[in-house]
Amino acid sequence: MFKLVLKRTVVDKIDAFLDSYLDSFLNLFIDSWIDNVHLIEENYKKVATNFRDKIYSSLNKTFEQDIIFWKKIWEEWDTSVIISIWNYKLFIEYREKAKIRFVEIIEFYKK
């Protein structure tokens, strides 16, 4: 079993993506005059939280395994893999050394 280490820039990129994801939904209801808009906003906040949890659990599930299927080796130390989560594809570059996988780059793309 491998240990997963996320670079600080990867965590920041995930946080920025989720903030943008949530803001895109919340901006739909600005000045909408809907009576219970706070209920809709709370629901979207829960969805964003569930999405964040799904991202981190998928990263852990994928990178803690001994063998990663469908990976691509770019150079001697650089490897990448694509993970599908909901309607998004995550392109992830990582390095592997002594039973530790270091995720260095993550990109989000809509399917």
N, C-alpha and C. Protein backbone atom coordinates (compact mmCIF):
# COMPACT_ATOMS: atom_id res chain seq x y z
N MET A 1 0.83 -1.17 0.00
CA MET A 1 0.00 0.00 0.00
C MET A 1 0.89 1.25 0.00
N PHE A 2 0.48 2.24 -0.74
CA PHE A 2 1.24 3.47 -0.87
C PHE A 2 0.65 4.57 -0.01
N LYS A 3 1.50 5.53 0.34
CA LYS A 3 1.06 6.72 1.04
C LYS A 3 0.88 7.83 0.00
N LEU A 4 -0.15 8.65 0.16
CA LEU A 4 -0.44 9.74 -0.76
C LEU A 4 -0.05 11.07 -0.11
N VAL A 5 0.71 11.88 -0.86
CA VAL A 5 1.08 13.21 -0.42
C VAL A 5 0.66 14.19 -1.51
N LEU A 6 -0.15 15.18 -1.14
CA LEU A 6 -0.59 16.21 -2.07
C LEU A 6 0.25 17.46 -1.87
N LYS A 7 0.78 17.99 -2.97
CA LYS A 7 1.49 19.26 -2.90
C LYS A 7 0.52 20.36 -2.49
N ARG A 8 1.03 21.39 -1.85
CA ARG A 8 0.18 22.49 -1.40
C ARG A 8 -0.53 23.15 -2.58
N THR A 9 0.15 23.23 -3.72
CA THR A 9 -0.48 23.83 -4.90
C THR A 9 -1.66 23.00 -5.40
N VAL A 10 -1.60 21.69 -5.20
CA VAL A 10 -2.71 20.81 -5.60
C VAL A 10 -3.91 21.04 -4.70
N VAL A 11 -3.68 21.13 -3.41
CA VAL A 11 -4.77 21.40 -2.46
C VAL A 11 -5.39 22.76 -2.76
N ASP A 12 -4.55 23.75 -3.04
CA ASP A 12 -5.06 25.09 -3.38
C ASP A 12 -5.88 25.06 -4.67
N LYS A 13 -5.44 24.26 -5.64
CA LYS A 13 -6.16 24.17 -6.91
C LYS A 13 -7.53 23.49 -6.71
N ILE A 14 -7.58 22.46 -5.86
CA ILE A 14 -8.84 21.80 -5.56
C ILE A 14 -9.79 22.78 -4.86
N ASP A 15 -9.26 23.52 -3.88
CA ASP A 15 -10.08 24.51 -3.16
C ASP A 15 -10.61 25.58 -4.11
N ALA A 16 -9.75 26.08 -5.00
CA ALA A 16 -10.16 27.12 -5.95
C ALA A 16 -11.22 26.58 -6.90
N PHE A 17 -11.05 25.35 -7.36
CA PHE A 17 -12.04 24.74 -8.24
C PHE A 17 -13.39 24.62 -7.55
N LEU A 18 -13.38 24.15 -6.31
CA LEU A 18 -14.64 23.98 -5.58
C LEU A 18 -15.30 25.32 -5.26
N ASP A 19 -14.50 26.33 -4.97
CA ASP A 19 -15.07 27.67 -4.76
C ASP A 19 -15.74 28.17 -6.02
N SER A 20 -15.09 27.98 -7.15
CA SER A 20 -15.66 28.40 -8.43
C SER A 20 -16.92 27.60 -8.75
N TYR A 21 -16.87 26.29 -8.48
CA TYR A 21 -18.01 25.40 -8.70
C TYR A 21 -19.22 25.89 -7.91
N LEU A 22 -19.01 26.18 -6.62
CA LEU A 22 -20.10 26.64 -5.76
C LEU A 22 -20.58 28.03 -6.18
N ASP A 23 -19.66 28.94 -6.45
CA ASP A 23 -20.05 30.30 -6.84
C ASP A 23 -20.87 30.32 -8.12
N SER A 24 -20.56 29.44 -9.05
CA SER A 24 -21.31 29.42 -10.30
C SER A 24 -22.79 29.10 -10.06
N PHE A 25 -23.07 28.26 -9.07
CA PHE A 25 -24.46 27.96 -8.74
C PHE A 25 -25.11 29.06 -7.90
N LEU A 26 -24.37 29.58 -6.95
CA LEU A 26 -24.94 30.60 -6.07
C LEU A 26 -25.24 31.89 -6.83
N ASN A 27 -24.44 32.20 -7.84
CA ASN A 27 -24.66 33.42 -8.63
C ASN A 27 -25.95 33.35 -9.45
N LEU A 28 -26.46 32.15 -9.67
CA LEU A 28 -27.72 32.02 -10.40
C LEU A 28 -28.90 32.61 -9.65
N PHE A 29 -28.78 32.68 -8.33
CA PHE A 29 -29.91 33.08 -7.51
C PHE A 29 -29.78 34.48 -6.91
N ILE A 30 -28.78 35.23 -7.33
CA ILE A 30 -28.67 36.61 -6.86
C ILE A 30 -29.82 37.41 -7.44
N ASP A 31 -30.53 38.10 -6.60
CA ASP A 31 -31.68 38.91 -7.00
C ASP A 31 -32.73 38.10 -7.75
N SER A 32 -32.94 36.88 -7.34
CA SER A 32 -33.93 36.03 -8.03
C SER A 32 -35.35 36.22 -7.47
N TRP A 33 -35.44 36.80 -6.31
CA TRP A 33 -36.71 37.04 -5.66
C TRP A 33 -37.44 35.74 -5.27
N ILE A 34 -36.71 34.67 -5.16
CA ILE A 34 -37.30 33.41 -4.70
C ILE A 34 -37.38 33.48 -3.17
N ASP A 35 -38.54 33.10 -2.64
CA ASP A 35 -38.76 33.23 -1.19
C ASP A 35 -37.77 32.41 -0.36
N ASN A 36 -37.58 31.17 -0.73
CA ASN A 36 -36.73 30.28 0.06
C ASN A 36 -35.38 30.04 -0.61
N VAL A 37 -34.77 31.10 -1.08
CA VAL A 37 -33.50 30.96 -1.78
C VAL A 37 -32.41 30.41 -0.86
N HIS A 38 -32.49 30.68 0.42
CA HIS A 38 -31.49 30.15 1.35
C HIS A 38 -31.49 28.62 1.39
N LEU A 39 -32.64 27.99 1.19
CA LEU A 39 -32.71 26.52 1.15
C LEU A 39 -31.98 25.98 -0.08
N ILE A 40 -32.15 26.66 -1.19
CA ILE A 40 -31.46 26.25 -2.42
C ILE A 40 -29.96 26.43 -2.25
N GLU A 41 -29.55 27.56 -1.68
CA GLU A 41 -28.13 27.82 -1.46
C GLU A 41 -27.51 26.79 -0.52
N GLU A 42 -28.21 26.43 0.53
CA GLU A 42 -27.72 25.42 1.47
C GLU A 42 -27.56 24.06 0.78
N ASN A 43 -28.49 23.74 -0.10
CA ASN A 43 -28.39 22.49 -0.84
C ASN A 43 -27.14 22.48 -1.73
N TYR A 44 -26.88 23.58 -2.43
CA TYR A 44 -25.69 23.66 -3.27
C TYR A 44 -24.41 23.59 -2.45
N LYS A 45 -24.43 24.15 -1.24
CA LYS A 45 -23.26 24.06 -0.37
C LYS A 45 -23.01 22.61 0.05
N LYS A 46 -24.09 21.87 0.29
CA LYS A 46 -23.95 20.45 0.63
C LYS A 46 -23.41 19.66 -0.56
N VAL A 47 -23.90 19.99 -1.76
CA VAL A 47 -23.42 19.31 -2.96
C VAL A 47 -21.93 19.58 -3.16
N ALA A 48 -21.49 20.82 -2.96
CA ALA A 48 -20.07 21.16 -3.10
C ALA A 48 -19.23 20.43 -2.06
N THR A 49 -19.74 20.31 -0.84
CA THR A 49 -19.03 19.57 0.21
C THR A 49 -18.92 18.09 -0.15
N ASN A 50 -20.02 17.51 -0.65
CA ASN A 50 -19.99 16.11 -1.09
C ASN A 50 -19.02 15.91 -2.24
N PHE A 51 -18.95 16.88 -3.16
CA PHE A 51 -18.04 16.81 -4.29
C PHE A 51 -16.59 16.83 -3.80
N ARG A 52 -16.30 17.72 -2.84
CA ARG A 52 -14.95 17.78 -2.27
C ARG A 52 -14.58 16.44 -1.62
N ASP A 53 -15.51 15.88 -0.84
CA ASP A 53 -15.25 14.60 -0.20
C ASP A 53 -15.02 13.50 -1.23
N LYS A 54 -15.78 13.53 -2.32
CA LYS A 54 -15.63 12.54 -3.38
C LYS A 54 -14.27 12.68 -4.07
N ILE A 55 -13.82 13.90 -4.28
CA ILE A 55 -12.51 14.12 -4.91
C ILE A 55 -11.41 13.52 -4.04
N TYR A 56 -11.41 13.85 -2.75
CA TYR A 56 -10.36 13.35 -1.87
C TYR A 56 -10.44 11.84 -1.67
N SER A 57 -11.64 11.30 -1.57
CA SER A 57 -11.75 9.84 -1.42
C SER A 57 -11.31 9.12 -2.69
N SER A 58 -11.60 9.69 -3.85
CA SER A 58 -11.16 9.08 -5.12
C SER A 58 -9.65 9.14 -5.26
N LEU A 59 -9.06 10.26 -4.86
CA LEU A 59 -7.59 10.36 -4.89
C LEU A 59 -6.96 9.32 -3.97
N ASN A 60 -7.49 9.21 -2.76
CA ASN A 60 -6.95 8.21 -1.82
C ASN A 60 -7.13 6.79 -2.36
N LYS A 61 -8.30 6.49 -2.87
CA LYS A 61 -8.58 5.15 -3.38
C LYS A 61 -7.66 4.80 -4.54
N THR A 62 -7.46 5.76 -5.43
CA THR A 62 -6.63 5.51 -6.61
C THR A 62 -5.16 5.36 -6.26
N PHE A 63 -4.63 6.27 -5.44
CA PHE A 63 -3.19 6.32 -5.21
C PHE A 63 -2.70 5.44 -4.08
N GLU A 64 -3.58 4.92 -3.25
CA GLU A 64 -3.13 4.01 -2.21
C GLU A 64 -2.98 2.58 -2.70
N GLN A 65 -3.55 2.28 -3.86
CA GLN A 65 -3.44 0.93 -4.42
C GLN A 65 -2.00 0.65 -4.84
N ASP A 66 -1.64 -0.62 -4.84
CA ASP A 66 -0.30 -0.99 -5.28
C ASP A 66 -0.13 -0.78 -6.78
N ILE A 67 -1.17 -1.07 -7.55
CA ILE A 67 -1.11 -0.93 -9.00
C ILE A 67 -2.16 0.08 -9.44
N ILE A 68 -1.73 1.05 -10.25
CA ILE A 68 -2.66 2.02 -10.81
C ILE A 68 -2.86 1.66 -12.27
N PHE A 69 -4.10 1.38 -12.63
CA PHE A 69 -4.40 1.05 -14.01
C PHE A 69 -4.55 2.31 -14.84
N TRP A 70 -4.27 2.21 -16.11
CA TRP A 70 -4.44 3.28 -17.08
C TRP A 70 -3.54 4.48 -16.82
N LYS A 71 -2.39 4.23 -16.23
CA LYS A 71 -1.46 5.34 -16.03
C LYS A 71 -0.57 5.48 -17.26
N LYS A 72 -0.01 6.67 -17.43
CA LYS A 72 0.89 6.93 -18.54
C LYS A 72 2.20 7.45 -17.97
N ILE A 73 3.28 6.84 -18.40
CA ILE A 73 4.60 7.26 -17.93
C ILE A 73 5.19 8.22 -18.96
N TRP A 74 5.42 9.47 -18.53
CA TRP A 74 5.94 10.51 -19.44
C TRP A 74 7.45 10.50 -19.47
N GLU A 75 8.06 10.43 -18.33
CA GLU A 75 9.50 10.38 -18.21
C GLU A 75 9.83 9.31 -17.18
N GLU A 76 11.06 9.24 -16.82
CA GLU A 76 11.46 8.20 -15.87
C GLU A 76 10.72 8.34 -14.54
N TRP A 77 10.46 9.58 -14.10
CA TRP A 77 9.83 9.77 -12.80
C TRP A 77 8.41 10.33 -12.89
N ASP A 78 8.03 10.92 -14.02
CA ASP A 78 6.71 11.53 -14.14
C ASP A 78 5.69 10.55 -14.68
N THR A 79 4.57 10.48 -14.01
CA THR A 79 3.49 9.59 -14.40
C THR A 79 2.19 10.36 -14.29
N SER A 80 1.22 10.03 -15.15
CA SER A 80 -0.07 10.69 -15.06
C SER A 80 -1.19 9.66 -15.11
N VAL A 81 -2.35 10.08 -14.62
CA VAL A 81 -3.53 9.24 -14.61
C VAL A 81 -4.75 10.15 -14.73
N ILE A 82 -5.82 9.61 -15.27
CA ILE A 82 -7.08 10.34 -15.40
C ILE A 82 -8.12 9.67 -14.51
N ILE A 83 -8.79 10.47 -13.69
CA ILE A 83 -9.84 9.97 -12.81
C ILE A 83 -11.14 10.68 -13.19
N SER A 84 -12.22 9.92 -13.30
CA SER A 84 -13.54 10.51 -13.56
C SER A 84 -14.31 10.64 -12.25
N ILE A 85 -14.80 11.85 -12.02
CA ILE A 85 -15.65 12.10 -10.84
C ILE A 85 -16.82 12.94 -11.31
N TRP A 86 -18.00 12.39 -11.15
CA TRP A 86 -19.24 13.02 -11.58
C TRP A 86 -19.11 13.42 -13.05
N ASN A 87 -19.26 14.70 -13.38
CA ASN A 87 -19.17 15.14 -14.78
C ASN A 87 -17.81 15.72 -15.10
N TYR A 88 -16.80 15.38 -14.34
CA TYR A 88 -15.48 15.95 -14.52
C TYR A 88 -14.43 14.86 -14.69
N LYS A 89 -13.40 15.22 -15.44
CA LYS A 89 -12.20 14.38 -15.57
C LYS A 89 -11.08 15.11 -14.86
N LEU A 90 -10.36 14.41 -14.02
CA LEU A 90 -9.21 14.98 -13.33
C LEU A 90 -7.94 14.40 -13.96
N PHE A 91 -7.11 15.27 -14.50
CA PHE A 91 -5.82 14.87 -15.04
C PHE A 91 -4.79 15.13 -13.96
N ILE A 92 -4.10 14.08 -13.55
CA ILE A 92 -3.22 14.16 -12.39
C ILE A 92 -1.83 13.67 -12.77
N GLU A 93 -0.83 14.48 -12.44
CA GLU A 93 0.56 14.07 -12.61
C GLU A 93 1.14 13.82 -11.22
N TYR A 94 1.92 12.74 -11.13
CA TYR A 94 2.48 12.39 -9.83
C TYR A 94 3.83 11.73 -10.00
N ARG A 95 4.55 11.69 -8.90
CA ARG A 95 5.83 10.99 -8.83
C ARG A 95 5.73 9.93 -7.76
N GLU A 96 6.52 8.92 -7.91
CA GLU A 96 6.47 7.78 -7.00
C GLU A 96 7.88 7.50 -6.50
N LYS A 97 8.01 7.40 -5.18
CA LYS A 97 9.33 7.10 -4.61
C LYS A 97 9.14 6.43 -3.25
N ALA A 98 9.72 5.28 -3.08
CA ALA A 98 9.76 4.57 -1.79
C ALA A 98 8.38 4.45 -1.14
N LYS A 99 7.43 3.90 -1.88
CA LYS A 99 6.07 3.65 -1.39
C LYS A 99 5.31 4.94 -1.03
N ILE A 100 5.72 6.05 -1.63
CA ILE A 100 5.00 7.32 -1.45
C ILE A 100 4.72 7.87 -2.84
N ARG A 101 3.49 8.33 -3.06
CA ARG A 101 3.11 8.97 -4.32
C ARG A 101 2.85 10.45 -4.04
N PHE A 102 3.57 11.28 -4.77
CA PHE A 102 3.48 12.73 -4.61
C PHE A 102 2.67 13.30 -5.77
N VAL A 103 1.46 13.78 -5.51
CA VAL A 103 0.64 14.40 -6.55
C VAL A 103 1.12 15.84 -6.69
N GLU A 104 1.57 16.17 -7.91
CA GLU A 104 2.19 17.48 -8.14
C GLU A 104 1.32 18.42 -8.96
N ILE A 105 0.52 17.87 -9.86
CA ILE A 105 -0.32 18.70 -10.73
C ILE A 105 -1.70 18.06 -10.84
N ILE A 106 -2.73 18.89 -10.77
CA ILE A 106 -4.10 18.41 -10.99
C ILE A 106 -4.83 19.43 -11.86
N GLU A 107 -5.57 18.94 -12.82
CA GLU A 107 -6.35 19.79 -13.72
C GLU A 107 -7.77 19.23 -13.78
N PHE A 108 -8.76 20.11 -13.83
CA PHE A 108 -10.17 19.72 -13.91
C PHE A 108 -10.72 20.06 -15.27
N TYR A 109 -11.39 19.10 -15.88
CA TYR A 109 -12.05 19.32 -17.18
C TYR A 109 -13.45 18.75 -17.14
N LYS A 110 -14.37 19.49 -17.70
CA LYS A 110 -15.76 19.03 -17.80
C LYS A 110 -15.83 17.98 -18.90
N LYS A 111 -16.58 16.90 -18.66
CA LYS A 111 -16.73 15.84 -19.65
C LYS A 111 -17.48 16.34 -20.85
